[in-house]
Amino acid sequence: MAPKRDYYEILGVPRNASKEEIKRAYRRLARQYHPDLNPGNKEAEEKFKEIQEAYAVLSDDEKRKMYDMYGTAEFQPGAERTTWRWTEAPGGGFEFTFGDFSGFEDIFNEVFGEREPTRVRRRGRDLEYQLEIDFDTAIKGGVKDITITRETICPGCGGSGVRIGAGARVCPKCRGSGRSLFTSFLNISRACDMCGGSGKISTEPCNTCNGSGKRITTETISVKIPAGVDTGSRIRVPGKGEEGTISNGDLYLVIKVRPHPLFRREQDDLYIEVPITVYEAALGAQISVPTVDGTAVVTIPPGTQSGTKLRLRGKGVPHLRDGGRGDLYVITKIVLPEKINESARKKFEELAKTSPYNPRAHLDKYLR
């Protein structure tokens, strides 16, 4: 028996292809090799089966990971991990059993132009927006008003697409069941494309949505930003995704925090570089430094070097979950004046003569 071809090769994508690239490749090939478009062509039939098998694995994160590790054998029809199979169907052809491979039928319907209309009971899709906030809001929290655009159910017909009060008759295609069987090479039961799964046909579509059952709306909502969020944090707003006939989807806000001119953040700790004079470094001092809570007094120990880290406990970023806070680290930087007067120059010269300290003494043994 000839070995199975590589799934990536079958779909014509590289091994590092994204899920969207894999989906696009599948749609293109499924249209090209679908048996209805190639009647009696056994080669196209086998190619179509290969395409389905490859997509069933590569579109699923866990199956793809296992395939990359172990190869095709882990996913042969009938193997324990397999969640799809081809079986002979009554009357000829094959039946595709989807198992737990959710989403495949939706894509299959989309490829061949028969998506389930919005009248079928479904949950609304989730939406994702990026929300840019300033540094202070990320640290302290706050409320932001944002405007979103989403798909909602038509108020004129409740999502049915039919004018309220209009007469209806039993769908002749599904005979009122709301389901039809796509019978050819594959036998798949799905929502009837004539009635949209309702089992009834109306000749009077809703005037508000022209029979689509939905509309696009723009809405401004207030969102609470919890203290401690960072770039990449996701905030879920329940029910503010697209509307569905069963339940609404959710809105996910992906946070992007604008940088601060003074503070640098590492997880829940903050860092600030503070310049000090040579006198403060040598003799020690108490200086005022800014924090996210206001001004704090920091003690500079005598003999402080540039780059010394002085910690202020609990002055960092609030923890998102446990109620604690990170720390603020003050990084010292000794700064000399660009110009000094004659009096200061004489004092430095006197210090140079009287001070025995040589910061380069450890380098003497390496000098040639």
Protein backbone atom coordinates (compact mmCIF):
# COMPACT_ATOMS: atom_id res chain seq x y z
CA MET A 1 0.00 0.00 0.00
CA ALA A 2 1.46 3.36 -1.05
CA PRO A 3 2.27 5.72 1.79
CA LYS A 4 -0.02 8.68 2.40
CA ARG A 5 1.03 12.00 0.92
CA ASP A 6 1.99 14.82 3.22
CA TYR A 7 -1.09 16.81 4.32
CA TYR A 8 0.66 20.13 3.74
CA GLU A 9 1.60 18.98 0.24
CA ILE A 10 -2.00 17.95 -0.46
CA LEU A 11 -3.28 21.43 0.37
CA GLY A 12 -0.29 23.13 -1.22
CA VAL A 13 0.70 25.14 1.87
CA PRO A 14 3.99 25.40 3.80
CA ARG A 15 4.34 23.69 7.18
CA ASN A 16 4.20 27.04 8.96
CA ALA A 17 1.00 28.12 7.20
CA SER A 18 -1.57 29.99 9.27
CA LYS A 19 -5.08 28.63 9.85
CA GLU A 20 -6.47 31.24 7.45
CA GLU A 21 -4.05 30.16 4.72
CA ILE A 22 -5.04 26.53 5.25
CA LYS A 23 -8.73 27.43 5.06
CA ARG A 24 -8.27 29.38 1.82
CA ALA A 25 -6.34 26.51 0.25
CA TYR A 26 -9.05 24.04 1.27
CA ARG A 27 -11.84 26.14 -0.21
CA ARG A 28 -10.02 26.53 -3.51
CA LEU A 29 -9.21 22.82 -3.87
CA ALA A 30 -12.64 21.65 -2.67
CA ARG A 31 -14.28 23.67 -5.42
CA GLN A 32 -11.83 22.35 -8.02
CA TYR A 33 -12.17 18.65 -7.18
CA HIS A 34 -15.76 18.38 -5.95
CA PRO A 35 -17.33 15.25 -7.50
CA ASP A 36 -20.41 17.12 -8.73
CA LEU A 37 -18.09 19.18 -10.91
CA ASN A 38 -16.16 16.09 -12.02
CA PRO A 39 -18.81 13.38 -12.61
CA GLY A 40 -17.34 9.93 -13.16
CA ASN A 41 -13.81 11.13 -12.50
CA LYS A 42 -12.35 8.65 -9.98
CA GLU A 43 -9.09 10.56 -9.76
CA ALA A 44 -10.93 13.73 -8.72
CA GLU A 45 -12.98 11.66 -6.25
CA GLU A 46 -9.83 10.34 -4.56
CA LYS A 47 -8.26 13.80 -4.61
CA PHE A 48 -11.36 15.25 -2.95
CA LYS A 49 -11.16 12.62 -0.18
CA GLU A 50 -7.47 13.47 0.37
CA ILE A 51 -8.31 17.17 0.61
CA GLN A 52 -11.03 16.51 3.21
CA GLU A 53 -8.68 14.31 5.23
CA ALA A 54 -5.85 16.83 5.15
CA TYR A 55 -8.09 19.75 6.15
CA ALA A 56 -9.74 17.77 8.96
CA VAL A 57 -6.32 17.44 10.58
CA LEU A 58 -4.53 20.69 9.75
CA SER A 59 -7.45 22.94 10.70
CA ASP A 60 -7.54 21.53 14.24
CA ASP A 61 -4.75 22.74 16.54
CA GLU A 62 -4.46 19.52 18.55
CA LYS A 63 -4.65 17.20 15.54
CA ARG A 64 -2.14 19.33 13.66
CA LYS A 65 0.25 19.22 16.60
CA MET A 66 -0.03 15.41 16.77
CA TYR A 67 0.41 15.13 12.99
CA ASP A 68 3.54 17.28 13.06
CA MET A 69 4.94 15.03 15.80
CA TYR A 70 3.93 11.58 14.57
CA GLY A 71 2.89 11.83 10.93
CA THR A 72 -0.06 10.60 8.92
CA ALA A 73 -0.46 7.24 10.67
CA GLU A 74 -1.99 8.86 13.72
CA PHE A 75 -4.93 10.01 11.62
CA GLN A 76 -5.80 7.10 9.38
CA PRO A 77 -9.54 6.44 9.14
CA GLY A 78 -10.49 4.09 11.97
CA ALA A 79 -7.59 5.08 14.24
CA GLU A 80 -8.49 5.83 17.84
CA ARG A 81 -7.80 9.56 17.58
CA THR A 82 -9.73 9.99 14.33
CA THR A 83 -12.90 12.04 14.57
CA TRP A 84 -14.00 11.69 10.95
CA ARG A 85 -14.53 8.79 8.56
CA TRP A 86 -15.83 7.91 5.12
CA THR A 87 -18.51 5.23 4.97
CA GLU A 88 -20.57 3.85 2.15
CA ALA A 89 -24.01 5.44 2.13
CA PRO A 90 -27.26 3.78 1.01
CA GLY A 91 -27.81 4.31 -2.67
CA GLY A 92 -24.14 4.80 -3.49
CA GLY A 93 -21.66 7.56 -2.77
CA PHE A 94 -20.15 8.19 0.62
CA GLU A 95 -21.24 9.74 3.87
CA PHE A 96 -18.94 12.03 5.84
CA THR A 97 -19.23 11.68 9.63
CA PHE A 98 -18.00 14.85 11.31
CA GLY A 99 -17.47 13.56 14.87
CA ASP A 100 -16.15 16.33 17.12
CA PHE A 101 -14.62 18.26 14.24
CA SER A 102 -16.83 21.30 14.82
CA GLY A 103 -16.91 23.95 12.14
CA PHE A 104 -16.20 21.65 9.18
CA GLU A 105 -19.80 21.50 8.03
CA ASP A 106 -20.13 25.27 8.21
CA ILE A 107 -17.07 25.68 5.99
CA PHE A 108 -18.26 22.92 3.65
CA ASN A 109 -21.61 24.65 3.27
CA GLU A 110 -19.82 27.95 2.67
CA VAL A 111 -17.58 26.46 -0.02
CA PHE A 112 -20.58 25.25 -2.03
CA GLY A 113 -22.70 28.33 -1.50
CA GLU A 114 -25.26 26.93 0.94
CA ARG A 115 -24.58 28.52 4.30
CA GLU A 116 -27.30 28.24 6.89
CA PRO A 117 -29.24 31.50 6.85
CA THR A 118 -29.68 33.58 9.97
CA ARG A 119 -33.17 32.17 10.52
CA VAL A 120 -31.57 28.99 11.82
CA ARG A 121 -31.25 29.15 15.62
CA ARG A 122 -27.68 30.07 16.44
CA ARG A 123 -25.48 31.98 18.83
CA GLY A 124 -24.13 35.29 17.59
CA ARG A 125 -20.47 35.55 16.61
CA ASP A 126 -17.91 37.01 19.01
CA LEU A 127 -16.27 40.30 18.04
CA GLU A 128 -12.77 41.57 18.80
CA TYR A 129 -11.68 45.21 18.91
CA GLN A 130 -8.37 46.81 19.88
CA LEU A 131 -8.66 49.45 22.61
CA GLU A 132 -5.79 51.89 23.15
CA ILE A 133 -5.58 53.45 26.62
CA ASP A 134 -3.15 55.74 28.42
CA PHE A 135 -0.67 54.56 31.03
CA ASP A 136 -2.56 56.02 34.01
CA THR A 137 -5.80 54.24 33.04
CA ALA A 138 -3.93 50.94 32.77
CA ILE A 139 -2.51 51.42 36.29
CA LYS A 140 -5.54 52.87 38.07
CA GLY A 141 -8.44 51.58 35.99
CA GLY A 142 -11.30 53.64 34.65
CA VAL A 143 -14.24 53.76 32.26
CA LYS A 144 -13.92 54.19 28.48
CA ASP A 145 -16.66 54.92 25.97
CA ILE A 146 -16.17 53.06 22.70
CA THR A 147 -18.21 52.86 19.51
CA ILE A 148 -18.73 49.44 17.96
CA THR A 149 -20.39 48.22 14.78
CA ARG A 150 -22.09 44.85 14.91
CA GLU A 151 -24.70 42.67 13.27
CA THR A 152 -28.05 42.63 15.08
CA ILE A 153 -31.37 40.92 14.57
CA CYS A 154 -33.84 42.89 12.48
CA PRO A 155 -36.45 44.44 14.83
CA GLY A 156 -39.04 44.34 12.06
CA CYS A 157 -39.18 40.56 11.76
CA GLY A 158 -37.26 39.20 14.77
CA GLY A 159 -34.65 37.66 12.49
CA SER A 160 -37.05 35.55 10.43
CA GLY A 161 -36.75 37.68 7.30
CA VAL A 162 -40.53 37.45 6.89
CA ARG A 163 -42.92 40.35 7.29
CA ILE A 164 -44.86 40.00 10.53
CA GLY A 165 -48.39 38.89 9.81
CA ALA A 166 -47.58 37.62 6.34
CA GLY A 167 -49.00 34.28 5.32
CA ALA A 168 -46.73 31.27 4.88
CA ARG A 169 -46.91 27.85 3.30
CA VAL A 170 -45.09 24.58 3.92
CA CYS A 171 -41.73 24.47 2.20
CA PRO A 172 -42.01 22.12 -0.80
CA LYS A 173 -38.36 21.12 -0.67
CA CYS A 174 -38.10 19.92 2.93
CA ARG A 175 -41.87 19.37 3.44
CA GLY A 176 -41.84 21.39 6.62
CA SER A 177 -38.94 19.62 8.32
CA GLY A 178 -36.50 22.50 7.89
CA ARG A 179 -33.76 20.06 6.84
CA SER A 180 -32.66 18.82 3.45
CA LEU A 181 -30.26 16.06 2.41
CA PHE A 182 -27.46 16.96 0.06
CA THR A 183 -27.17 13.69 -1.89
CA SER A 184 -24.35 13.06 -4.29
CA PHE A 185 -20.85 11.98 -3.52
CA LEU A 186 -21.56 13.02 0.09
CA ASN A 187 -24.86 12.70 1.95
CA ILE A 188 -25.13 15.57 4.43
CA SER A 189 -28.22 16.73 6.28
CA ARG A 190 -28.35 20.47 6.75
CA ALA A 191 -30.72 23.42 6.99
CA CYS A 192 -32.98 23.62 3.98
CA ASP A 193 -31.68 26.26 1.60
CA MET A 194 -35.17 27.12 0.36
CA CYS A 195 -36.78 27.99 3.69
CA GLY A 196 -33.67 28.65 5.77
CA GLY A 197 -34.56 25.92 8.26
CA SER A 198 -37.97 27.33 9.21
CA GLY A 199 -39.98 24.73 7.26
CA LYS A 200 -42.15 27.50 5.81
CA ILE A 201 -42.04 29.74 2.76
CA SER A 202 -43.30 33.32 2.61
CA THR A 203 -43.63 35.44 -0.49
CA GLU A 204 -43.60 38.62 1.60
CA PRO A 205 -40.09 39.40 2.91
CA CYS A 206 -39.59 41.87 5.72
CA ASN A 207 -39.53 45.45 4.45
CA THR A 208 -36.99 46.52 7.08
CA CYS A 209 -34.22 44.06 6.19
CA ASN A 210 -35.36 42.91 2.72
CA GLY A 211 -35.56 39.33 3.97
CA SER A 212 -32.04 39.04 5.42
CA GLY A 213 -33.24 38.94 9.03
CA LYS A 214 -30.39 41.19 10.22
CA ARG A 215 -29.06 44.72 10.13
CA ILE A 216 -25.78 46.51 10.87
CA THR A 217 -25.94 48.83 13.86
CA THR A 218 -23.50 51.23 15.50
CA GLU A 219 -23.56 51.61 19.26
CA THR A 220 -21.57 53.46 21.90
CA ILE A 221 -20.97 51.52 25.12
CA SER A 222 -19.14 52.23 28.37
CA VAL A 223 -16.51 49.69 29.32
CA LYS A 224 -14.92 49.35 32.75
CA ILE A 225 -11.13 49.01 32.58
CA PRO A 226 -9.77 47.09 35.60
CA ALA A 227 -6.65 48.44 37.30
CA GLY A 228 -3.51 46.56 36.28
CA VAL A 229 -4.26 45.70 32.64
CA ASP A 230 -1.36 45.67 30.20
CA THR A 231 -0.81 45.51 26.46
CA GLY A 232 -2.31 42.22 25.25
CA SER A 233 -4.85 41.95 28.08
CA ARG A 234 -8.33 40.92 26.91
CA ILE A 235 -11.51 42.34 28.42
CA ARG A 236 -14.73 40.42 27.80
CA VAL A 237 -17.98 42.34 27.45
CA PRO A 238 -20.76 39.71 27.59
CA GLY A 239 -23.53 39.91 25.01
CA LYS A 240 -22.02 42.74 22.98
CA GLY A 241 -20.92 40.61 20.05
CA GLU A 242 -23.25 39.95 17.13
CA GLU A 243 -26.83 39.12 18.02
CA GLY A 244 -28.05 35.56 17.58
CA THR A 245 -31.42 33.88 17.78
CA ILE A 246 -30.31 31.74 20.74
CA SER A 247 -27.90 34.14 22.46
CA ASN A 248 -25.60 37.01 21.62
CA GLY A 249 -21.88 36.65 21.07
CA ASP A 250 -19.40 38.45 23.29
CA LEU A 251 -17.17 41.44 22.64
CA TYR A 252 -13.45 41.07 23.38
CA LEU A 253 -11.32 44.17 23.78
CA VAL A 254 -7.58 43.69 23.28
CA ILE A 255 -5.71 46.33 25.27
CA LYS A 256 -2.84 48.43 23.94
CA VAL A 257 -1.20 50.74 26.51
CA ARG A 258 0.52 53.92 25.37
CA PRO A 259 4.03 54.31 26.85
CA HIS A 260 4.73 56.75 29.71
CA PRO A 261 7.49 59.38 29.39
CA LEU A 262 8.98 58.49 32.82
CA PHE A 263 7.91 55.02 33.93
CA ARG A 264 8.89 51.70 32.37
CA ARG A 265 6.79 48.66 33.20
CA GLU A 266 7.96 45.06 33.63
CA GLN A 267 5.01 42.86 34.59
CA ASP A 268 3.66 44.55 37.74
CA ASP A 269 6.85 46.43 38.68
CA LEU A 270 7.67 49.97 37.57
CA TYR A 271 11.09 51.52 36.93
CA ILE A 272 12.08 55.18 36.86
CA GLU A 273 15.53 56.66 36.25
CA VAL A 274 16.28 59.57 38.61
CA PRO A 275 19.32 61.85 38.18
CA ILE A 276 21.35 62.76 41.29
CA THR A 277 24.32 65.06 41.82
CA VAL A 278 27.79 63.89 42.65
CA TYR A 279 27.37 65.50 46.08
CA GLU A 280 24.15 63.56 46.77
CA ALA A 281 25.80 60.36 45.61
CA ALA A 282 28.85 60.89 47.82
CA LEU A 283 27.21 62.30 50.94
CA GLY A 284 23.73 60.80 50.74
CA ALA A 285 20.49 62.77 50.56
CA GLN A 286 16.72 62.66 50.64
CA ILE A 287 15.12 63.45 47.32
CA SER A 288 11.55 63.67 45.99
CA VAL A 289 10.55 61.35 43.17
CA PRO A 290 7.26 60.96 41.26
CA THR A 291 5.19 57.78 41.63
CA VAL A 292 1.84 56.75 40.15
CA ASP A 293 0.28 57.69 43.50
CA GLY A 294 1.98 61.08 43.89
CA THR A 295 5.30 62.27 45.27
CA ALA A 296 7.46 60.03 47.50
CA VAL A 297 10.64 60.82 49.45
CA VAL A 298 13.57 58.47 48.74
CA THR A 299 16.73 58.20 50.82
CA ILE A 300 19.97 58.14 48.80
CA PRO A 301 22.61 56.31 50.88
CA PRO A 302 26.14 57.79 51.01
CA GLY A 303 28.38 56.34 48.31
CA THR A 304 25.53 55.55 45.92
CA GLN A 305 26.68 54.59 42.41
CA SER A 306 25.00 55.19 39.07
CA GLY A 307 22.61 52.34 38.31
CA THR A 308 21.80 51.61 41.96
CA LYS A 309 18.25 50.27 42.37
CA LEU A 310 16.25 51.60 45.32
CA ARG A 311 12.94 49.79 45.92
CA LEU A 312 9.68 51.39 47.03
CA ARG A 313 7.45 48.49 48.04
CA GLY A 314 3.83 48.52 46.91
CA LYS A 315 4.26 51.52 44.62
CA GLY A 316 4.00 49.55 41.40
CA VAL A 317 1.07 48.19 39.38
CA PRO A 318 -1.99 46.63 41.08
CA HIS A 319 -2.23 42.86 40.59
CA LEU A 320 -5.26 41.97 38.49
CA ARG A 321 -6.31 39.03 40.66
CA ASP A 322 -4.99 39.02 44.24
CA GLY A 323 -5.34 42.67 45.22
CA GLY A 324 -1.62 43.24 45.87
CA ARG A 325 0.74 45.57 44.04
CA GLY A 326 4.13 45.44 42.43
CA ASP A 327 7.07 47.65 43.43
CA LEU A 328 8.63 50.84 42.09
CA TYR A 329 12.38 50.77 41.47
CA VAL A 330 14.26 54.06 41.46
CA ILE A 331 17.40 53.77 39.28
CA THR A 332 19.99 56.39 40.17
CA LYS A 333 22.05 58.19 37.56
CA ILE A 334 24.90 60.50 38.64
CA VAL A 335 24.83 63.62 36.49
CA LEU A 336 27.55 66.30 36.41
CA PRO A 337 26.85 69.88 35.38
CA GLU A 338 27.88 70.68 31.82
CA LYS A 339 29.74 73.77 33.05
CA ILE A 340 31.25 74.54 36.47
CA ASN A 341 32.34 77.88 37.89
CA GLU A 342 35.83 78.69 39.09
CA SER A 343 35.01 78.12 42.75
CA ALA A 344 33.66 74.64 42.04
CA ARG A 345 36.67 73.85 39.86
CA LYS A 346 39.09 74.68 42.71
CA LYS A 347 37.17 72.46 45.12
CA PHE A 348 37.29 69.55 42.66
CA GLU A 349 41.02 70.08 42.17
CA GLU A 350 41.54 70.11 45.94
CA LEU A 351 39.45 66.95 46.29
CA ALA A 352 41.52 65.26 43.58
CA LYS A 353 44.74 66.04 45.45
CA THR A 354 43.54 65.00 48.90
CA SER A 355 41.45 61.94 48.02
CA PRO A 356 43.39 58.66 47.81
CA TYR A 357 40.54 56.85 46.03
CA ASN A 358 41.41 55.32 42.66
CA PRO A 359 38.40 53.62 40.98
CA ARG A 360 40.73 52.00 38.38
CA ALA A 361 43.17 50.39 40.79
CA HIS A 362 41.95 46.91 39.83
CA LEU A 363 43.06 47.56 36.24
CA ASP A 364 46.72 48.24 37.10
CA LYS A 365 47.82 44.63 36.79
CA TYR A 366 46.48 44.52 33.21
CA LEU A 367 48.31 47.62 32.06
CA ARG A 368 51.28 47.05 29.74
